[in-house]
Amino acid sequence: MGLFAKEFQATDRKTEKCVLITVFKDPNGNMKYDKIFDRLLTMSSVGVSGAIQFLGYKHPVSEHERNLLSSETSGFIVTEFIQNGSLENH
C-alpha cells in the first residue's frame, strides 16, 4: 500500500481463517489517524453485501507493539482475506 501502510496475511488464532492486517505508518507525524480510525469504526457497523468484512483494529498501538512492528506504526486494521486478486488489477 505504499509509504503509509504495509499489509500482512495472517491466520486468526480463534477461527483459523486467513485475515489481512494493514499496518498504518506515520513517518512525518502529521496524519490524522484518529479521524480515519473513528470513521472505519463507524462504517464497520454497517453490513454491505459483497464488501470485505472488517474484523478489528488497534489504535493507538502500545509502545511494545510499536517496537515489534515499527517505530512509525500508528495503528492497524484486520479484515477478512480475499484470495486471488488485487485492487490494483481492477
PDB file of N, CA and C in Angstrom:
ATOM      1  N   MET A   1       0.821  -1.201   0.000  1.00  0.00           N
ATOM      2  CA  MET A   1       0.000   0.000   0.000  1.00  0.00           C
ATOM      3  C   MET A   1       0.856   1.251   0.000  1.00  0.00           C
ATOM      4  N   GLY A   2       2.146   1.090  -0.111  1.00  0.00           N
ATOM      5  CA  GLY A   2       2.963   2.267  -0.279  1.00  0.00           C
ATOM      6  C   GLY A   2       3.603   2.795   0.978  1.00  0.00           C
ATOM      7  N   LEU A   3       3.793   4.083   0.984  1.00  0.00           N
ATOM      8  CA  LEU A   3       4.536   4.771   2.030  1.00  0.00           C
ATOM      9  C   LEU A   3       3.841   4.753   3.387  1.00  0.00           C
ATOM     10  N   PHE A   4       2.509   4.755   3.413  1.00  0.00           N
ATOM     11  CA  PHE A   4       1.795   4.932   4.670  1.00  0.00           C
ATOM     12  C   PHE A   4       1.192   3.664   5.249  1.00  0.00           C
ATOM     13  N   ALA A   5       1.315   2.536   4.562  1.00  0.00           N
ATOM     14  CA  ALA A   5       0.754   1.292   5.082  1.00  0.00           C
ATOM     15  C   ALA A   5       1.475   0.082   4.496  1.00  0.00           C
ATOM     16  N   LYS A   6       1.437  -1.002   5.245  1.00  0.00           N
ATOM     17  CA  LYS A   6       2.001  -2.265   4.795  1.00  0.00           C
ATOM     18  C   LYS A   6       1.011  -3.351   5.168  1.00  0.00           C
ATOM     19  N   GLU A   7       0.837  -4.344   4.290  1.00  0.00           N
ATOM     20  CA  GLU A   7      -0.141  -5.392   4.524  1.00  0.00           C
ATOM     21  C   GLU A   7       0.539  -6.723   4.771  1.00  0.00           C
ATOM     22  N   PHE A   8      -0.082  -7.516   5.665  1.00  0.00           N
ATOM     23  CA  PHE A   8       0.410  -8.839   6.005  1.00  0.00           C
ATOM     24  C   PHE A   8      -0.749  -9.825   5.992  1.00  0.00           C
ATOM     25  N   GLN A   9      -0.517 -10.993   5.455  1.00  0.00           N
ATOM     26  CA  GLN A   9      -1.502 -12.066   5.547  1.00  0.00           C
ATOM     27  C   GLN A   9      -1.188 -12.848   6.809  1.00  0.00           C
ATOM     28  N   ALA A  10      -2.233 -13.212   7.566  1.00  0.00           N
ATOM     29  CA  ALA A  10      -2.040 -13.935   8.819  1.00  0.00           C
ATOM     30  C   ALA A  10      -3.190 -14.919   9.013  1.00  0.00           C
ATOM     31  N   THR A  11      -3.088 -15.736  10.054  1.00  0.00           N
ATOM     32  CA  THR A  11      -4.150 -16.669  10.404  1.00  0.00           C
ATOM     33  C   THR A  11      -4.729 -16.272  11.748  1.00  0.00           C
ATOM     34  N   ASP A  12      -6.044 -16.113  11.802  1.00  0.00           N
ATOM     35  CA  ASP A  12      -6.737 -15.798  13.053  1.00  0.00           C
ATOM     36  C   ASP A  12      -6.622 -17.004  13.976  1.00  0.00           C
ATOM     37  N   ARG A  13      -6.089 -16.809  15.171  1.00  0.00           N
ATOM     38  CA  ARG A  13      -5.886 -17.920  16.109  1.00  0.00           C
ATOM     39  C   ARG A  13      -7.187 -18.559  16.570  1.00  0.00           C
ATOM     40  N   LYS A  14      -8.246 -17.776  16.661  1.00  0.00           N
ATOM     41  CA  LYS A  14      -9.525 -18.302  17.131  1.00  0.00           C
ATOM     42  C   LYS A  14     -10.274 -19.061  16.034  1.00  0.00           C
ATOM     43  N   THR A  15     -10.338 -18.491  14.835  1.00  0.00           N
ATOM     44  CA  THR A  15     -11.139 -19.075  13.764  1.00  0.00           C
ATOM     45  C   THR A  15     -10.320 -19.888  12.768  1.00  0.00           C
ATOM     46  N   GLU A  16      -9.001 -19.705  12.787  1.00  0.00           N
ATOM     47  CA  GLU A  16      -8.070 -20.339  11.856  1.00  0.00           C
ATOM     48  C   GLU A  16      -8.320 -19.932  10.398  1.00  0.00           C
ATOM     49  N   LYS A  17      -8.995 -18.804  10.206  1.00  0.00           N
ATOM     50  CA  LYS A  17      -9.222 -18.267   8.863  1.00  0.00           C
ATOM     51  C   LYS A  17      -8.126 -17.271   8.514  1.00  0.00           C
ATOM     52  N   CYS A  18      -7.881 -17.116   7.208  1.00  0.00           N
ATOM     53  CA  CYS A  18      -6.911 -16.126   6.751  1.00  0.00           C
ATOM     54  C   CYS A  18      -7.474 -14.723   6.931  1.00  0.00           C
ATOM     55  N   VAL A  19      -6.633 -13.822   7.401  1.00  0.00           N
ATOM     56  CA  VAL A  19      -7.008 -12.422   7.561  1.00  0.00           C
ATOM     57  C   VAL A  19      -5.922 -11.551   6.939  1.00  0.00           C
ATOM     58  N   LEU A  20      -6.269 -10.313   6.691  1.00  0.00           N
ATOM     59  CA  LEU A  20      -5.325  -9.327   6.185  1.00  0.00           C
ATOM     60  C   LEU A  20      -5.138  -8.259   7.254  1.00  0.00           C
ATOM     61  N   ILE A  21      -3.897  -8.016   7.623  1.00  0.00           N
ATOM     62  CA  ILE A  21      -3.584  -6.979   8.610  1.00  0.00           C
ATOM     63  C   ILE A  21      -2.910  -5.831   7.865  1.00  0.00           C
ATOM     64  N   THR A  22      -3.513  -4.656   7.950  1.00  0.00           N
ATOM     65  CA  THR A  22      -2.945  -3.467   7.324  1.00  0.00           C
ATOM     66  C   THR A  22      -2.394  -2.582   8.429  1.00  0.00           C
ATOM     67  N   VAL A  23      -1.084  -2.402   8.427  1.00  0.00           N
ATOM     68  CA  VAL A  23      -0.398  -1.606   9.443  1.00  0.00           C
ATOM     69  C   VAL A  23      -0.151  -0.215   8.874  1.00  0.00           C
ATOM     70  N   PHE A  24      -0.662   0.793   9.567  1.00  0.00           N
ATOM     71  CA  PHE A  24      -0.519   2.180   9.119  1.00  0.00           C
ATOM     72  C   PHE A  24       0.680   2.826   9.783  1.00  0.00           C
ATOM     73  N   LYS A  25       1.478   3.522   8.965  1.00  0.00           N
ATOM     74  CA  LYS A  25       2.659   4.227   9.467  1.00  0.00           C
ATOM     75  C   LYS A  25       2.430   5.726   9.344  1.00  0.00           C
ATOM     76  N   ASP A  26       3.084   6.445  10.204  1.00  0.00           N
ATOM     77  CA  ASP A  26       3.007   7.903  10.169  1.00  0.00           C
ATOM     78  C   ASP A  26       4.425   8.462  10.265  1.00  0.00           C
ATOM     79  N   PRO A  27       5.191   8.349   9.164  1.00  0.00           N
ATOM     80  CA  PRO A  27       6.604   8.740   9.227  1.00  0.00           C
ATOM     81  C   PRO A  27       6.838  10.206   9.554  1.00  0.00           C
ATOM     82  N   ASN A  28       5.893  11.077   9.217  1.00  0.00           N
ATOM     83  CA  ASN A  28       6.073  12.501   9.461  1.00  0.00           C
ATOM     84  C   ASN A  28       5.322  12.991  10.692  1.00  0.00           C
ATOM     85  N   GLY A  29       4.499  12.136  11.270  1.00  0.00           N
ATOM     86  CA  GLY A  29       3.742  12.521  12.459  1.00  0.00           C
ATOM     87  C   GLY A  29       2.606  13.488  12.187  1.00  0.00           C
ATOM     88  N   ASN A  30       2.150  13.585  10.924  1.00  0.00           N
ATOM     89  CA  ASN A  30       1.112  14.569  10.629  1.00  0.00           C
ATOM     90  C   ASN A  30      -0.174  13.969  10.052  1.00  0.00           C
ATOM     91  N   MET A  31      -0.297  12.639  10.031  1.00  0.00           N
ATOM     92  CA  MET A  31      -1.520  12.013   9.527  1.00  0.00           C
ATOM     93  C   MET A  31      -2.608  12.093  10.597  1.00  0.00           C
ATOM     94  N   LYS A  32      -3.829  12.200  10.176  1.00  0.00           N
ATOM     95  CA  LYS A  32      -4.979  12.310  11.078  1.00  0.00           C
ATOM     96  C   LYS A  32      -5.602  10.928  11.298  1.00  0.00           C
ATOM     97  N   TYR A  33      -4.816   9.980  11.847  1.00  0.00           N
ATOM     98  CA  TYR A  33      -5.303   8.621  12.008  1.00  0.00           C
ATOM     99  C   TYR A  33      -6.439   8.511  13.013  1.00  0.00           C
ATOM    100  N   ASP A  34      -6.531   9.411  13.969  1.00  0.00           N
ATOM    101  CA  ASP A  34      -7.658   9.376  14.906  1.00  0.00           C
ATOM    102  C   ASP A  34      -8.973   9.469  14.140  1.00  0.00           C
ATOM    103  N   LYS A  35      -9.063  10.402  13.209  1.00  0.00           N
ATOM    104  CA  LYS A  35     -10.270  10.563  12.397  1.00  0.00           C
ATOM    105  C   LYS A  35     -10.511   9.355  11.505  1.00  0.00           C
ATOM    106  N   ILE A  36      -9.442   8.852  10.898  1.00  0.00           N
ATOM    107  CA  ILE A  36      -9.567   7.713   9.998  1.00  0.00           C
ATOM    108  C   ILE A  36     -10.100   6.499  10.745  1.00  0.00           C
ATOM    109  N   PHE A  37      -9.535   6.208  11.926  1.00  0.00           N
ATOM    110  CA  PHE A  37      -9.984   5.049  12.692  1.00  0.00           C
ATOM    111  C   PHE A  37     -11.402   5.237  13.224  1.00  0.00           C
ATOM    112  N   ASP A  38     -11.763   6.441  13.609  1.00  0.00           N
ATOM    113  CA  ASP A  38     -13.148   6.711  14.030  1.00  0.00           C
ATOM    114  C   ASP A  38     -14.125   6.430  12.891  1.00  0.00           C
ATOM    115  N   ARG A  39     -13.790   6.850  11.693  1.00  0.00           N
ATOM    116  CA  ARG A  39     -14.664   6.613  10.534  1.00  0.00           C
ATOM    117  C   ARG A  39     -14.751   5.137  10.189  1.00  0.00           C
ATOM    118  N   LEU A  40     -13.611   4.431  10.257  1.00  0.00           N
ATOM    119  CA  LEU A  40     -13.622   2.996   9.999  1.00  0.00           C
ATOM    120  C   LEU A  40     -14.520   2.262  10.984  1.00  0.00           C
ATOM    121  N   LEU A  41     -14.434   2.641  12.242  1.00  0.00           N
ATOM    122  CA  LEU A  41     -15.249   2.011  13.271  1.00  0.00           C
ATOM    123  C   LEU A  41     -16.725   2.265  13.019  1.00  0.00           C
ATOM    124  N   THR A  42     -17.074   3.476  12.614  1.00  0.00           N
ATOM    125  CA  THR A  42     -18.465   3.811  12.300  1.00  0.00           C
ATOM    126  C   THR A  42     -18.948   3.023  11.098  1.00  0.00           C
ATOM    127  N   MET A  43     -18.135   2.958  10.056  1.00  0.00           N
ATOM    128  CA  MET A  43     -18.519   2.251   8.839  1.00  0.00           C
ATOM    129  C   MET A  43     -18.584   0.738   9.048  1.00  0.00           C
ATOM    130  N   SER A  44     -17.797   0.198   9.979  1.00  0.00           N
ATOM    131  CA  SER A  44     -17.767  -1.249  10.182  1.00  0.00           C
ATOM    132  C   SER A  44     -19.077  -1.784  10.742  1.00  0.00           C
ATOM    133  N   SER A  45     -19.886  -0.923  11.331  1.00  0.00           N
ATOM    134  CA  SER A  45     -21.161  -1.364  11.895  1.00  0.00           C
ATOM    135  C   SER A  45     -22.246  -1.513  10.830  1.00  0.00           C
ATOM    136  N   VAL A  46     -21.943  -1.058   9.615  1.00  0.00           N
ATOM    137  CA  VAL A  46     -22.898  -1.156   8.505  1.00  0.00           C
ATOM    138  C   VAL A  46     -22.544  -2.389   7.674  1.00  0.00           C
ATOM    139  N   GLY A  47     -23.470  -3.319   7.537  1.00  0.00           N
ATOM    140  CA  GLY A  47     -23.232  -4.511   6.732  1.00  0.00           C
ATOM    141  C   GLY A  47     -23.546  -4.253   5.270  1.00  0.00           C
ATOM    142  N   VAL A  48     -22.552  -4.426   4.416  1.00  0.00           N
ATOM    143  CA  VAL A  48     -22.731  -4.213   2.985  1.00  0.00           C
ATOM    144  C   VAL A  48     -22.417  -5.521   2.272  1.00  0.00           C
ATOM    145  N   SER A  49     -23.399  -6.040   1.542  1.00  0.00           N
ATOM    146  CA  SER A  49     -23.210  -7.281   0.807  1.00  0.00           C
ATOM    147  C   SER A  49     -22.090  -7.119  -0.213  1.00  0.00           C
ATOM    148  N   GLY A  50     -21.165  -8.066  -0.220  1.00  0.00           N
ATOM    149  CA  GLY A  50     -20.060  -8.020  -1.177  1.00  0.00           C
ATOM    150  C   GLY A  50     -18.849  -7.244  -0.708  1.00  0.00           C
ATOM    151  N   ALA A  51     -18.950  -6.574   0.410  1.00  0.00           N
ATOM    152  CA  ALA A  51     -17.817  -5.801   0.930  1.00  0.00           C
ATOM    153  C   ALA A  51     -16.936  -6.694   1.803  1.00  0.00           C
ATOM    154  N   ILE A  52     -15.678  -6.386   1.860  1.00  0.00           N
ATOM    155  CA  ILE A  52     -14.755  -7.120   2.726  1.00  0.00           C
ATOM    156  C   ILE A  52     -15.133  -6.844   4.174  1.00  0.00           C
ATOM    157  N   GLN A  53     -15.192  -7.902   4.971  1.00  0.00           N
ATOM    158  CA  GLN A  53     -15.618  -7.773   6.360  1.00  0.00           C
ATOM    159  C   GLN A  53     -14.494  -7.202   7.233  1.00  0.00           C
ATOM    160  N   PHE A  54     -14.815  -6.155   7.962  1.00  0.00           N
ATOM    161  CA  PHE A  54     -13.906  -5.524   8.921  1.00  0.00           C
ATOM    162  C   PHE A  54     -13.959  -6.339  10.210  1.00  0.00           C
ATOM    163  N   LEU A  55     -12.813  -6.831  10.677  1.00  0.00           N
ATOM    164  CA  LEU A  55     -12.792  -7.708  11.848  1.00  0.00           C
ATOM    165  C   LEU A  55     -12.305  -7.029  13.122  1.00  0.00           C
ATOM    166  N   GLY A  56     -11.475  -6.009  12.995  1.00  0.00           N
ATOM    167  CA  GLY A  56     -10.981  -5.340  14.191  1.00  0.00           C
ATOM    168  C   GLY A  56      -9.914  -4.310  13.868  1.00  0.00           C
ATOM    169  N   TYR A  57      -9.456  -3.661  14.919  1.00  0.00           N
ATOM    170  CA  TYR A  57      -8.433  -2.626  14.756  1.00  0.00           C
ATOM    171  C   TYR A  57      -7.716  -2.409  16.072  1.00  0.00           C
ATOM    172  N   LYS A  58      -6.604  -1.696  16.010  1.00  0.00           N
ATOM    173  CA  LYS A  58      -5.880  -1.271  17.211  1.00  0.00           C
ATOM    174  C   LYS A  58      -5.299   0.097  16.919  1.00  0.00           C
ATOM    175  N   HIS A  59      -5.719   1.088  17.676  1.00  0.00           N
ATOM    176  CA  HIS A  59      -5.188   2.452  17.542  1.00  0.00           C
ATOM    177  C   HIS A  59      -5.486   3.208  18.831  1.00  0.00           C
ATOM    178  N   PRO A  60      -4.564   3.847  19.422  1.00  0.00           N
ATOM    179  CA  PRO A  60      -3.136   3.806  19.103  1.00  0.00           C
ATOM    180  C   PRO A  60      -2.521   2.494  19.585  1.00  0.00           C
ATOM    181  N   VAL A  61      -1.363   2.165  19.058  1.00  0.00           N
ATOM    182  CA  VAL A  61      -0.668   0.955  19.481  1.00  0.00           C
ATOM    183  C   VAL A  61       0.177   1.258  20.704  1.00  0.00           C
ATOM    184  N   SER A  62       0.444   0.211  21.488  1.00  0.00           N
ATOM    185  CA  SER A  62       1.273   0.370  22.685  1.00  0.00           C
ATOM    186  C   SER A  62       2.742   0.521  22.280  1.00  0.00           C
ATOM    187  N   GLU A  63       3.547   0.937  23.204  1.00  0.00           N
ATOM    188  CA  GLU A  63       4.987   1.084  22.949  1.00  0.00           C
ATOM    189  C   GLU A  63       5.598  -0.268  22.566  1.00  0.00           C
ATOM    190  N   HIS A  64       5.151  -1.333  23.236  1.00  0.00           N
ATOM    191  CA  HIS A  64       5.640  -2.688  22.938  1.00  0.00           C
ATOM    192  C   HIS A  64       5.291  -3.074  21.489  1.00  0.00           C
ATOM    193  N   GLU A  65       4.042  -2.824  21.071  1.00  0.00           N
ATOM    194  CA  GLU A  65       3.622  -3.130  19.699  1.00  0.00           C
ATOM    195  C   GLU A  65       4.388  -2.278  18.690  1.00  0.00           C
ATOM    196  N   ARG A  66       4.637  -1.036  19.037  1.00  0.00           N
ATOM    197  CA  ARG A  66       5.397  -0.145  18.154  1.00  0.00           C
ATOM    198  C   ARG A  66       6.820  -0.678  17.971  1.00  0.00           C
ATOM    199  N   ASN A  67       7.409  -1.207  19.028  1.00  0.00           N
ATOM    200  CA  ASN A  67       8.753  -1.769  18.937  1.00  0.00           C
ATOM    201  C   ASN A  67       8.771  -3.039  18.103  1.00  0.00           C
ATOM    202  N   LEU A  68       7.695  -3.842  18.165  1.00  0.00           N
ATOM    203  CA  LEU A  68       7.620  -5.067  17.373  1.00  0.00           C
ATOM    204  C   LEU A  68       7.411  -4.772  15.892  1.00  0.00           C
ATOM    205  N   LEU A  69       6.574  -3.807  15.582  1.00  0.00           N
ATOM    206  CA  LEU A  69       6.198  -3.532  14.195  1.00  0.00           C
ATOM    207  C   LEU A  69       7.124  -2.521  13.536  1.00  0.00           C
ATOM    208  N   SER A  70       7.167  -1.329  14.074  1.00  0.00           N
ATOM    209  CA  SER A  70       7.988  -0.242  13.541  1.00  0.00           C
ATOM    210  C   SER A  70       7.763   0.974  14.419  1.00  0.00           C
ATOM    211  N   SER A  71       8.779   1.765  14.601  1.00  0.00           N
ATOM    212  CA  SER A  71       8.634   2.955  15.444  1.00  0.00           C
ATOM    213  C   SER A  71       7.652   3.955  14.837  1.00  0.00           C
ATOM    214  N   GLU A  72       7.363   3.816  13.539  1.00  0.00           N
ATOM    215  CA  GLU A  72       6.448   4.729  12.852  1.00  0.00           C
ATOM    216  C   GLU A  72       5.006   4.234  12.842  1.00  0.00           C
ATOM    217  N   THR A  73       4.753   3.051  13.442  1.00  0.00           N
ATOM    218  CA  THR A  73       3.418   2.466  13.401  1.00  0.00           C
ATOM    219  C   THR A  73       2.432   3.288  14.208  1.00  0.00           C
ATOM    220  N   SER A  74       1.316   3.605  13.572  1.00  0.00           N
ATOM    221  CA  SER A  74       0.268   4.383  14.227  1.00  0.00           C
ATOM    222  C   SER A  74      -0.890   3.495  14.672  1.00  0.00           C
ATOM    223  N   GLY A  75      -1.160   2.446  13.917  1.00  0.00           N
ATOM    224  CA  GLY A  75      -2.254   1.544  14.230  1.00  0.00           C
ATOM    225  C   GLY A  75      -2.417   0.526  13.129  1.00  0.00           C
ATOM    226  N   PHE A  76      -3.370  -0.394  13.308  1.00  0.00           N
ATOM    227  CA  PHE A  76      -3.624  -1.365  12.259  1.00  0.00           C
ATOM    228  C   PHE A  76      -5.077  -1.800  12.260  1.00  0.00           C
ATOM    229  N   ILE A  77      -5.512  -2.315  11.105  1.00  0.00           N
ATOM    230  CA  ILE A  77      -6.854  -2.871  10.982  1.00  0.00           C
ATOM    231  C   ILE A  77      -6.730  -4.322  10.528  1.00  0.00           C
ATOM    232  N   VAL A  78      -7.745  -5.110  10.855  1.00  0.00           N
ATOM    233  CA  VAL A  78      -7.797  -6.510  10.447  1.00  0.00           C
ATOM    234  C   VAL A  78      -9.085  -6.709   9.654  1.00  0.00           C
ATOM    235  N   THR A  79      -8.944  -7.262   8.456  1.00  0.00           N
ATOM    236  CA  THR A  79     -10.102  -7.553   7.608  1.00  0.00           C
ATOM    237  C   THR A  79     -10.012  -8.999   7.143  1.00  0.00           C
ATOM    238  N   GLU A  80     -11.124  -9.506   6.615  1.00  0.00           N
ATOM    239  CA  GLU A  80     -11.068 -10.831   6.031  1.00  0.00           C
ATOM    240  C   GLU A  80     -10.130 -10.783   4.830  1.00  0.00           C
ATOM    241  N   PHE A  81      -9.527 -11.916   4.516  1.00  0.00           N
ATOM    242  CA  PHE A  81      -8.601 -12.003   3.387  1.00  0.00           C
ATOM    243  C   PHE A  81      -9.339 -12.609   2.208  1.00  0.00           C
ATOM    244  N   ILE A  82      -9.305 -11.921   1.071  1.00  0.00           N
ATOM    245  CA  ILE A  82      -9.924 -12.401  -0.150  1.00  0.00           C
ATOM    246  C   ILE A  82      -8.790 -12.820  -1.086  1.00  0.00           C
ATOM    247  N   GLN A  83      -8.726 -14.104  -1.411  1.00  0.00           N
ATOM    248  CA  GLN A  83      -7.650 -14.638  -2.226  1.00  0.00           C
ATOM    249  C   GLN A  83      -7.883 -14.363  -3.708  1.00  0.00           C
ATOM    250  N   ASN A  84      -6.815 -14.432  -4.484  1.00  0.00           N
ATOM    251  CA  ASN A  84      -6.852 -14.325  -5.949  1.00  0.00           C
ATOM    252  C   ASN A  84      -7.219 -12.947  -6.453  1.00  0.00           C
ATOM    253  N   GLY A  85      -6.606 -11.947  -5.935  1.00  0.00           N
ATOM    254  CA  GLY A  85      -6.903 -10.653  -6.510  1.00  0.00           C
ATOM    255  C   GLY A  85      -6.171  -9.517  -5.855  1.00  0.00           C
ATOM    256  N   SER A  86      -6.166  -8.425  -6.544  1.00  0.00           N
ATOM    257  CA  SER A  86      -5.588  -7.205  -6.051  1.00  0.00           C
ATOM    258  C   SER A  86      -6.437  -6.060  -6.566  1.00  0.00           C
ATOM    259  N   LEU A  87      -6.662  -5.080  -5.715  1.00  0.00           N
ATOM    260  CA  LEU A  87      -7.418  -3.917  -6.156  1.00  0.00           C
ATOM    261  C   LEU A  87      -6.693  -3.168  -7.263  1.00  0.00           C
ATOM    262  N   GLU A  88      -5.375  -3.313  -7.297  1.00  0.00           N
ATOM    263  CA  GLU A  88      -4.577  -2.648  -8.340  1.00  0.00           C
ATOM    264  C   GLU A  88      -4.906  -3.211  -9.725  1.00  0.00           C
ATOM    265  N   ASN A  89      -5.428  -4.447  -9.793  1.00  0.00           N
ATOM    266  CA  ASN A  89      -5.731  -5.086 -11.067  1.00  0.00           C
ATOM    267  C   ASN A  89      -7.149  -4.814 -11.546  1.00  0.00           C
ATOM    268  N   HIS A  90      -7.946  -4.073 -10.777  1.00  0.00           N
ATOM    269  CA  HIS A  90      -9.351  -3.842 -11.137  1.00  0.00           C
ATOM    270  C   HIS A  90      -9.621  -2.391 -11.407  1.00  0.00           C
TER     271      HIS A  90
END
